[in-house]
Amino acid sequence: MPPMKAIQSATLVASQLLRIDDKLGTLEEKKLADVVAVKGNPLENIQAMHDVVFVMKEGITYKSP
C-alpha cells in the first residue's frame, strides 16, 4: 500500500466508516484540527510516522519526550 493510502486509511477512511467525517479525517475549516507532526516526509518514508515531534489535540500541543 502506498504511504498516502496508508495515511488516508488511518484518517479520512476511518472517519468515514465511523460516520464522523463531518468533524474529523481531513484538515478543513470547521473541522477539529487534531494534528500529528513528524520528522521527515512520511510520503517518502512511512517510517517517519514513528518519529513524532508533537501532537495537537483540541488546540493543546503535546510534545514528544
PDB file of N, CA and C in Angstrom:
ATOM      1  N   MET A   1       0.849  -1.165   0.000  1.00  0.00           N
ATOM      2  CA  MET A   1       0.000   0.000   0.000  1.00  0.00           C
ATOM      3  C   MET A   1       0.900   1.236   0.000  1.00  0.00           C
ATOM      4  N   PRO A   2       0.674   2.175  -0.899  1.00  0.00           N
ATOM      5  CA  PRO A   2       1.471   3.401  -0.914  1.00  0.00           C
ATOM      6  C   PRO A   2       1.272   4.206   0.385  1.00  0.00           C
ATOM      7  N   PRO A   3       2.290   4.952   0.808  1.00  0.00           N
ATOM      8  CA  PRO A   3       2.193   5.723   2.046  1.00  0.00           C
ATOM      9  C   PRO A   3       0.963   6.636   2.118  1.00  0.00           C
ATOM     10  N   MET A   4       0.617   7.335   1.044  1.00  0.00           N
ATOM     11  CA  MET A   4      -0.542   8.228   1.080  1.00  0.00           C
ATOM     12  C   MET A   4      -1.819   7.460   1.385  1.00  0.00           C
ATOM     13  N   LYS A   5      -1.971   6.282   0.786  1.00  0.00           N
ATOM     14  CA  LYS A   5      -3.159   5.462   1.040  1.00  0.00           C
ATOM     15  C   LYS A   5      -3.196   4.978   2.490  1.00  0.00           C
ATOM     16  N   ALA A   6      -2.039   4.650   3.053  1.00  0.00           N
ATOM     17  CA  ALA A   6      -1.978   4.222   4.455  1.00  0.00           C
ATOM     18  C   ALA A   6      -2.407   5.349   5.381  1.00  0.00           C
ATOM     19  N   ILE A   7      -1.923   6.554   5.109  1.00  0.00           N
ATOM     20  CA  ILE A   7      -2.290   7.710   5.935  1.00  0.00           C
ATOM     21  C   ILE A   7      -3.777   8.018   5.789  1.00  0.00           C
ATOM     22  N   GLN A   8      -4.283   7.968   4.574  1.00  0.00           N
ATOM     23  CA  GLN A   8      -5.711   8.211   4.352  1.00  0.00           C
ATOM     24  C   GLN A   8      -6.566   7.141   5.029  1.00  0.00           C
ATOM     25  N   SER A   9      -6.105   5.908   5.034  1.00  0.00           N
ATOM     26  CA  SER A   9      -6.853   4.838   5.699  1.00  0.00           C
ATOM     27  C   SER A   9      -6.987   5.099   7.192  1.00  0.00           C
ATOM     28  N   ALA A  10      -5.931   5.657   7.781  1.00  0.00           N
ATOM     29  CA  ALA A  10      -5.936   5.924   9.217  1.00  0.00           C
ATOM     30  C   ALA A  10      -6.682   7.211   9.576  1.00  0.00           C
ATOM     31  N   THR A  11      -6.961   8.044   8.598  1.00  0.00           N
ATOM     32  CA  THR A  11      -7.589   9.344   8.884  1.00  0.00           C
ATOM     33  C   THR A  11      -8.934   9.460   8.176  1.00  0.00           C
ATOM     34  N   LEU A  12      -8.921   9.792   6.925  1.00  0.00           N
ATOM     35  CA  LEU A  12     -10.147  10.035   6.167  1.00  0.00           C
ATOM     36  C   LEU A  12     -11.058   8.814   6.115  1.00  0.00           C
ATOM     37  N   VAL A  13     -10.531   7.688   5.704  1.00  0.00           N
ATOM     38  CA  VAL A  13     -11.363   6.492   5.550  1.00  0.00           C
ATOM     39  C   VAL A  13     -11.932   6.049   6.903  1.00  0.00           C
ATOM     40  N   ALA A  14     -11.101   6.078   7.947  1.00  0.00           N
ATOM     41  CA  ALA A  14     -11.584   5.703   9.283  1.00  0.00           C
ATOM     42  C   ALA A  14     -12.717   6.617   9.733  1.00  0.00           C
ATOM     43  N   SER A  15     -12.572   7.919   9.506  1.00  0.00           N
ATOM     44  CA  SER A  15     -13.638   8.854   9.922  1.00  0.00           C
ATOM     45  C   SER A  15     -14.910   8.632   9.113  1.00  0.00           C
ATOM     46  N   GLN A  16     -14.769   8.270   7.853  1.00  0.00           N
ATOM     47  CA  GLN A  16     -15.944   7.974   7.024  1.00  0.00           C
ATOM     48  C   GLN A  16     -16.662   6.721   7.526  1.00  0.00           C
ATOM     49  N   LEU A  17     -15.905   5.689   7.859  1.00  0.00           N
ATOM     50  CA  LEU A  17     -16.504   4.451   8.359  1.00  0.00           C
ATOM     51  C   LEU A  17     -17.225   4.669   9.686  1.00  0.00           C
ATOM     52  N   LEU A  18     -16.681   5.564  10.509  1.00  0.00           N
ATOM     53  CA  LEU A  18     -17.303   5.876  11.797  1.00  0.00           C
ATOM     54  C   LEU A  18     -18.394   6.937  11.685  1.00  0.00           C
ATOM     55  N   ARG A  19     -18.573   7.436  10.469  1.00  0.00           N
ATOM     56  CA  ARG A  19     -19.570   8.478  10.173  1.00  0.00           C
ATOM     57  C   ARG A  19     -19.357   9.749  11.006  1.00  0.00           C
ATOM     58  N   ILE A  20     -18.076  10.112  11.144  1.00  0.00           N
ATOM     59  CA  ILE A  20     -17.725  11.356  11.832  1.00  0.00           C
ATOM     60  C   ILE A  20     -16.859  12.235  10.940  1.00  0.00           C
ATOM     61  N   ASP A  21     -16.915  11.971   9.619  1.00  0.00           N
ATOM     62  CA  ASP A  21     -16.073  12.722   8.687  1.00  0.00           C
ATOM     63  C   ASP A  21     -16.535  14.167   8.527  1.00  0.00           C
ATOM     64  N   ASP A  22     -17.660  14.526   9.131  1.00  0.00           N
ATOM     65  CA  ASP A  22     -18.056  15.933   9.138  1.00  0.00           C
ATOM     66  C   ASP A  22     -17.235  16.708  10.168  1.00  0.00           C
ATOM     67  N   LYS A  23     -16.557  15.993  11.101  1.00  0.00           N
ATOM     68  CA  LYS A  23     -15.768  16.621  12.162  1.00  0.00           C
ATOM     69  C   LYS A  23     -14.287  16.296  12.086  1.00  0.00           C
ATOM     70  N   LEU A  24     -13.958  15.109  11.555  1.00  0.00           N
ATOM     71  CA  LEU A  24     -12.578  14.606  11.588  1.00  0.00           C
ATOM     72  C   LEU A  24     -12.181  14.007  10.244  1.00  0.00           C
ATOM     73  N   GLY A  25     -10.914  13.704  10.096  1.00  0.00           N
ATOM     74  CA  GLY A  25     -10.439  12.953   8.936  1.00  0.00           C
ATOM     75  C   GLY A  25      -9.621  13.748   7.946  1.00  0.00           C
ATOM     76  N   THR A  26      -9.869  15.053   7.867  1.00  0.00           N
ATOM     77  CA  THR A  26      -9.106  15.942   6.981  1.00  0.00           C
ATOM     78  C   THR A  26      -8.937  17.283   7.679  1.00  0.00           C
ATOM     79  N   LEU A  27      -7.960  18.051   7.223  1.00  0.00           N
ATOM     80  CA  LEU A  27      -7.769  19.400   7.751  1.00  0.00           C
ATOM     81  C   LEU A  27      -8.577  20.364   6.896  1.00  0.00           C
ATOM     82  N   GLU A  28      -9.698  20.801   7.433  1.00  0.00           N
ATOM     83  CA  GLU A  28     -10.589  21.712   6.729  1.00  0.00           C
ATOM     84  C   GLU A  28     -11.221  22.667   7.724  1.00  0.00           C
ATOM     85  N   GLU A  29     -11.671  23.787   7.208  1.00  0.00           N
ATOM     86  CA  GLU A  29     -12.374  24.762   8.028  1.00  0.00           C
ATOM     87  C   GLU A  29     -13.584  24.100   8.679  1.00  0.00           C
ATOM     88  N   LYS A  30     -13.802  24.412   9.951  1.00  0.00           N
ATOM     89  CA  LYS A  30     -14.923  23.931  10.771  1.00  0.00           C
ATOM     90  C   LYS A  30     -14.797  22.468  11.198  1.00  0.00           C
ATOM     91  N   LYS A  31     -13.620  21.865  10.979  1.00  0.00           N
ATOM     92  CA  LYS A  31     -13.368  20.527  11.497  1.00  0.00           C
ATOM     93  C   LYS A  31     -12.377  20.628  12.643  1.00  0.00           C
ATOM     94  N   LEU A  32     -12.370  19.610  13.508  1.00  0.00           N
ATOM     95  CA  LEU A  32     -11.396  19.565  14.591  1.00  0.00           C
ATOM     96  C   LEU A  32     -10.015  19.374  13.976  1.00  0.00           C
ATOM     97  N   ALA A  33      -9.072  20.174  14.390  1.00  0.00           N
ATOM     98  CA  ALA A  33      -7.737  20.151  13.778  1.00  0.00           C
ATOM     99  C   ALA A  33      -6.760  19.397  14.667  1.00  0.00           C
ATOM    100  N   ASP A  34      -6.985  18.115  14.836  1.00  0.00           N
ATOM    101  CA  ASP A  34      -6.029  17.285  15.551  1.00  0.00           C
ATOM    102  C   ASP A  34      -4.922  16.920  14.559  1.00  0.00           C
ATOM    103  N   VAL A  35      -3.675  17.143  14.966  1.00  0.00           N
ATOM    104  CA  VAL A  35      -2.552  17.009  14.044  1.00  0.00           C
ATOM    105  C   VAL A  35      -1.421  16.224  14.706  1.00  0.00           C
ATOM    106  N   VAL A  36      -0.759  15.394  13.927  1.00  0.00           N
ATOM    107  CA  VAL A  36       0.465  14.724  14.359  1.00  0.00           C
ATOM    108  C   VAL A  36       1.579  15.239  13.454  1.00  0.00           C
ATOM    109  N   ALA A  37       2.607  15.831  14.052  1.00  0.00           N
ATOM    110  CA  ALA A  37       3.759  16.324  13.283  1.00  0.00           C
ATOM    111  C   ALA A  37       4.913  15.347  13.465  1.00  0.00           C
ATOM    112  N   VAL A  38       5.543  14.993  12.357  1.00  0.00           N
ATOM    113  CA  VAL A  38       6.654  14.046  12.399  1.00  0.00           C
ATOM    114  C   VAL A  38       7.881  14.655  11.732  1.00  0.00           C
ATOM    115  N   LYS A  39       9.038  14.101  12.077  1.00  0.00           N
ATOM    116  CA  LYS A  39      10.265  14.489  11.385  1.00  0.00           C
ATOM    117  C   LYS A  39      10.299  13.727  10.076  1.00  0.00           C
ATOM    118  N   GLY A  40      10.641  14.392   9.026  1.00  0.00           N
ATOM    119  CA  GLY A  40      10.725  13.724   7.736  1.00  0.00           C
ATOM    120  C   GLY A  40       9.404  13.754   6.989  1.00  0.00           C
ATOM    121  N   ASN A  41       9.423  13.157   5.839  1.00  0.00           N
ATOM    122  CA  ASN A  41       8.261  13.141   4.962  1.00  0.00           C
ATOM    123  C   ASN A  41       7.705  11.718   4.897  1.00  0.00           C
ATOM    124  N   PRO A  42       6.552  11.471   5.527  1.00  0.00           N
ATOM    125  CA  PRO A  42       6.008  10.112   5.520  1.00  0.00           C
ATOM    126  C   PRO A  42       5.579   9.631   4.136  1.00  0.00           C
ATOM    127  N   LEU A  43       5.442  10.537   3.181  1.00  0.00           N
ATOM    128  CA  LEU A  43       5.114  10.114   1.823  1.00  0.00           C
ATOM    129  C   LEU A  43       6.333   9.517   1.124  1.00  0.00           C
ATOM    130  N   GLU A  44       7.520   9.900   1.580  1.00  0.00           N
ATOM    131  CA  GLU A  44       8.758   9.339   1.043  1.00  0.00           C
ATOM    132  C   GLU A  44       9.192   8.112   1.832  1.00  0.00           C
ATOM    133  N   ASN A  45       8.927   8.131   3.138  1.00  0.00           N
ATOM    134  CA  ASN A  45       9.303   7.015   4.014  1.00  0.00           C
ATOM    135  C   ASN A  45       8.274   6.926   5.133  1.00  0.00           C
ATOM    136  N   ILE A  46       7.378   5.966   5.052  1.00  0.00           N
ATOM    137  CA  ILE A  46       6.293   5.836   6.025  1.00  0.00           C
ATOM    138  C   ILE A  46       6.815   5.642   7.447  1.00  0.00           C
ATOM    139  N   GLN A  47       8.064   5.178   7.583  1.00  0.00           N
ATOM    140  CA  GLN A  47       8.658   5.014   8.913  1.00  0.00           C
ATOM    141  C   GLN A  47       8.786   6.346   9.650  1.00  0.00           C
ATOM    142  N   ALA A  48       8.698   7.468   8.938  1.00  0.00           N
ATOM    143  CA  ALA A  48       8.740   8.783   9.582  1.00  0.00           C
ATOM    144  C   ALA A  48       7.598   8.937  10.584  1.00  0.00           C
ATOM    145  N   MET A  49       6.536   8.180  10.426  1.00  0.00           N
ATOM    146  CA  MET A  49       5.402   8.256  11.353  1.00  0.00           C
ATOM    147  C   MET A  49       5.777   7.788  12.752  1.00  0.00           C
ATOM    148  N   HIS A  50       6.911   7.114  12.883  1.00  0.00           N
ATOM    149  CA  HIS A  50       7.389   6.666  14.197  1.00  0.00           C
ATOM    150  C   HIS A  50       8.154   7.760  14.930  1.00  0.00           C
ATOM    151  N   ASP A  51       8.527   8.825  14.234  1.00  0.00           N
ATOM    152  CA  ASP A  51       9.340   9.891  14.829  1.00  0.00           C
ATOM    153  C   ASP A  51       8.471  11.131  15.057  1.00  0.00           C
ATOM    154  N   VAL A  52       7.582  11.040  16.035  1.00  0.00           N
ATOM    155  CA  VAL A  52       6.620  12.107  16.318  1.00  0.00           C
ATOM    156  C   VAL A  52       7.309  13.265  17.036  1.00  0.00           C
ATOM    157  N   VAL A  53       7.088  14.476  16.531  1.00  0.00           N
ATOM    158  CA  VAL A  53       7.627  15.685  17.141  1.00  0.00           C
ATOM    159  C   VAL A  53       6.616  16.250  18.136  1.00  0.00           C
ATOM    160  N   PHE A  54       5.356  16.353  17.701  1.00  0.00           N
ATOM    161  CA  PHE A  54       4.298  16.773  18.615  1.00  0.00           C
ATOM    162  C   PHE A  54       2.949  16.324  18.095  1.00  0.00           C
ATOM    163  N   VAL A  55       1.977  16.328  18.999  1.00  0.00           N
ATOM    164  CA  VAL A  55       0.584  16.054  18.672  1.00  0.00           C
ATOM    165  C   VAL A  55      -0.217  17.258  19.136  1.00  0.00           C
ATOM    166  N   MET A  56      -1.116  17.745  18.294  1.00  0.00           N
ATOM    167  CA  MET A  56      -2.022  18.810  18.694  1.00  0.00           C
ATOM    168  C   MET A  56      -3.416  18.212  18.757  1.00  0.00           C
ATOM    169  N   LYS A  57      -4.014  18.259  19.942  1.00  0.00           N
ATOM    170  CA  LYS A  57      -5.343  17.699  20.174  1.00  0.00           C
ATOM    171  C   LYS A  57      -6.195  18.754  20.852  1.00  0.00           C
ATOM    172  N   GLU A  58      -7.301  19.105  20.209  1.00  0.00           N
ATOM    173  CA  GLU A  58      -8.230  20.104  20.744  1.00  0.00           C
ATOM    174  C   GLU A  58      -7.517  21.403  21.119  1.00  0.00           C
ATOM    175  N   GLY A  59      -6.539  21.795  20.288  1.00  0.00           N
ATOM    176  CA  GLY A  59      -5.833  23.054  20.480  1.00  0.00           C
ATOM    177  C   GLY A  59      -4.694  23.006  21.472  1.00  0.00           C
ATOM    178  N   ILE A  60      -4.462  21.866  22.095  1.00  0.00           N
ATOM    179  CA  ILE A  60      -3.371  21.722  23.054  1.00  0.00           C
ATOM    180  C   ILE A  60      -2.255  20.928  22.389  1.00  0.00           C
ATOM    181  N   THR A  61      -1.016  21.440  22.488  1.00  0.00           N
ATOM    182  CA  THR A  61       0.132  20.780  21.886  1.00  0.00           C
ATOM    183  C   THR A  61       0.826  19.917  22.925  1.00  0.00           C
ATOM    184  N   TYR A  62       1.040  18.682  22.561  1.00  0.00           N
ATOM    185  CA  TYR A  62       1.759  17.722  23.415  1.00  0.00           C
ATOM    186  C   TYR A  62       3.036  17.367  22.661  1.00  0.00           C
ATOM    187  N   LYS A  63       4.190  17.608  23.315  1.00  0.00           N
ATOM    188  CA  LYS A  63       5.465  17.322  22.669  1.00  0.00           C
ATOM    189  C   LYS A  63       5.956  15.943  23.063  1.00  0.00           C
ATOM    190  N   SER A  64       6.639  15.325  22.123  1.00  0.00           N
ATOM    191  CA  SER A  64       7.230  14.017  22.382  1.00  0.00           C
ATOM    192  C   SER A  64       8.398  14.177  23.334  1.00  0.00           C
ATOM    193  N   PRO A  65       8.557  13.256  24.285  1.00  0.00           N
ATOM    194  CA  PRO A  65       9.690  13.363  25.231  1.00  0.00           C
ATOM    195  C   PRO A  65      11.029  13.162  24.563  1.00  0.00           C
TER     196      PRO A  65
END
